[in-house]
Each structure stands twice: as C-alpha cells, then as structure tokens.
Amino acid sequence: MIEGLSQGLGGGVIALLAAVVTLAAFVQGTSGLGFALIVAPVVGLVDPGLLPVSGAVLIAGF
C-alpha cells in the first residue's frame, strides 16, 4: 500500500473506498465512462487531501 495513504483512515473507510472503486470500475467497463465521476466526489468527501493523488493512482491501476 502507498505509504501515508491509509494514515488516519480506518478499515471501514478503506473498505468503503474499495467498494466505490469496484462499482466505478464496473460502470466504466459497461458504459465507457464514469470512473472519475463516481470515485472523485466520494474520495473528496472522505478526505479532500487524497483527491489529487488518489485519482491518478486508481486510474493507473485500471
């Protein structure tokens, strides 16, 4: 895991973000768009400091 990404986040929050990423990947795969439209607002609500970096890291994984 990326150092500092989980710092201050509980297991439940990380599980929520993983579920949102899974849902967004499904929507992206079926419709062709939507990954950033789904993930970015949720990550921004959880921790706005993660937003600029996490979007690039998550998209690079898919």
C-alpha atoms as a PDB file:
ATOM      1  CA  MET A   1       0.000   0.000   0.000  1.00  0.00           C
ATOM      2  CA  ILE A   2       1.177   3.522  -0.661  1.00  0.00           C
ATOM      3  CA  GLU A   3       2.877   4.983   2.383  1.00  0.00           C
ATOM      4  CA  GLY A   4       0.675   7.578   4.059  1.00  0.00           C
ATOM      5  CA  LEU A   5      -2.456   6.782   2.036  1.00  0.00           C
ATOM      6  CA  SER A   6      -4.085   4.888   4.896  1.00  0.00           C
ATOM      7  CA  GLN A   7      -2.750   7.227   7.551  1.00  0.00           C
ATOM      8  CA  GLY A   8      -5.680   8.359   9.656  1.00  0.00           C
ATOM      9  CA  LEU A   9      -8.243   6.286   7.755  1.00  0.00           C
ATOM     10  CA  GLY A  10      -9.994   3.405   9.475  1.00  0.00           C
ATOM     11  CA  GLY A  11     -10.596   0.000   8.000  1.00  0.00           C
ATOM     12  CA  GLY A  12     -14.245   0.813   7.341  1.00  0.00           C
ATOM     13  CA  VAL A  13     -13.365   3.898   5.312  1.00  0.00           C
ATOM     14  CA  ILE A  14     -10.826   1.979   3.260  1.00  0.00           C
ATOM     15  CA  ALA A  15     -13.425  -0.760   2.660  1.00  0.00           C
ATOM     16  CA  LEU A  16     -15.942   1.896   1.571  1.00  0.00           C
ATOM     17  CA  LEU A  17     -13.464   3.400  -0.866  1.00  0.00           C
ATOM     18  CA  ALA A  18     -12.637  -0.067  -2.222  1.00  0.00           C
ATOM     19  CA  ALA A  19     -16.342  -0.736  -2.786  1.00  0.00           C
ATOM     20  CA  VAL A  20     -16.782   2.604  -4.551  1.00  0.00           C
ATOM     21  CA  VAL A  21     -13.772   1.914  -6.784  1.00  0.00           C
ATOM     22  CA  THR A  22     -15.199  -1.516  -7.629  1.00  0.00           C
ATOM     23  CA  LEU A  23     -18.570  -0.001  -8.513  1.00  0.00           C
ATOM     24  CA  ALA A  24     -16.921   2.731 -10.568  1.00  0.00           C
ATOM     25  CA  ALA A  25     -14.825   0.180 -12.454  1.00  0.00           C
ATOM     26  CA  PHE A  26     -17.998  -1.771 -13.256  1.00  0.00           C
ATOM     27  CA  VAL A  27     -19.739   1.362 -14.531  1.00  0.00           C
ATOM     28  CA  GLN A  28     -16.646   2.310 -16.547  1.00  0.00           C
ATOM     29  CA  GLY A  29     -16.477  -1.148 -18.080  1.00  0.00           C
ATOM     30  CA  THR A  30     -20.136  -1.284 -19.061  1.00  0.00           C
ATOM     31  CA  SER A  31     -20.739   2.272 -20.220  1.00  0.00           C
ATOM     32  CA  GLY A  32     -17.281   3.503 -21.144  1.00  0.00           C
ATOM     33  CA  LEU A  33     -17.307   6.468 -18.791  1.00  0.00           C
ATOM     34  CA  GLY A  34     -17.920   7.249 -15.176  1.00  0.00           C
ATOM     35  CA  PHE A  35     -14.881   6.123 -13.153  1.00  0.00           C
ATOM     36  CA  ALA A  36     -13.749   9.597 -12.118  1.00  0.00           C
ATOM     37  CA  LEU A  37     -17.334  10.849 -11.926  1.00  0.00           C
ATOM     38  CA  ILE A  38     -18.096   8.280  -9.239  1.00  0.00           C
ATOM     39  CA  VAL A  39     -14.800   7.992  -7.340  1.00  0.00           C
ATOM     40  CA  ALA A  40     -13.724  11.652  -7.104  1.00  0.00           C
ATOM     41  CA  PRO A  41     -16.743  13.000  -5.183  1.00  0.00           C
ATOM     42  CA  VAL A  42     -16.643  10.140  -2.657  1.00  0.00           C
ATOM     43  CA  VAL A  43     -12.899  10.494  -2.069  1.00  0.00           C
ATOM     44  CA  GLY A  44     -13.370  14.258  -1.779  1.00  0.00           C
ATOM     45  CA  LEU A  45     -15.994  13.773   0.915  1.00  0.00           C
ATOM     46  CA  VAL A  46     -13.881  11.255   2.845  1.00  0.00           C
ATOM     47  CA  ASP A  47     -10.593  13.173   2.748  1.00  0.00           C
ATOM     48  CA  PRO A  48     -10.070  16.091   0.335  1.00  0.00           C
ATOM     49  CA  GLY A  49      -6.307  15.793   0.757  1.00  0.00           C
ATOM     50  CA  LEU A  50      -6.345  12.454  -1.079  1.00  0.00           C
ATOM     51  CA  LEU A  51      -8.090  13.765  -4.163  1.00  0.00           C
ATOM     52  CA  PRO A  52      -5.234  14.995  -6.392  1.00  0.00           C
ATOM     53  CA  VAL A  53      -3.077  11.898  -5.884  1.00  0.00           C
ATOM     54  CA  SER A  54      -5.571   9.082  -5.464  1.00  0.00           C
ATOM     55  CA  GLY A  55      -7.350   9.711  -8.752  1.00  0.00           C
ATOM     56  CA  ALA A  56      -4.151   9.243 -10.722  1.00  0.00           C
ATOM     57  CA  VAL A  57      -3.137   6.178  -8.714  1.00  0.00           C
ATOM     58  CA  LEU A  58      -6.537   4.493  -9.060  1.00  0.00           C
ATOM     59  CA  ILE A  59      -6.872   5.182 -12.786  1.00  0.00           C
ATOM     60  CA  ALA A  60      -3.352   3.859 -13.382  1.00  0.00           C
ATOM     61  CA  GLY A  61      -4.434   0.576 -11.790  1.00  0.00           C
ATOM     62  CA  PHE A  62      -7.232   0.019 -14.296  1.00  0.00           C
END
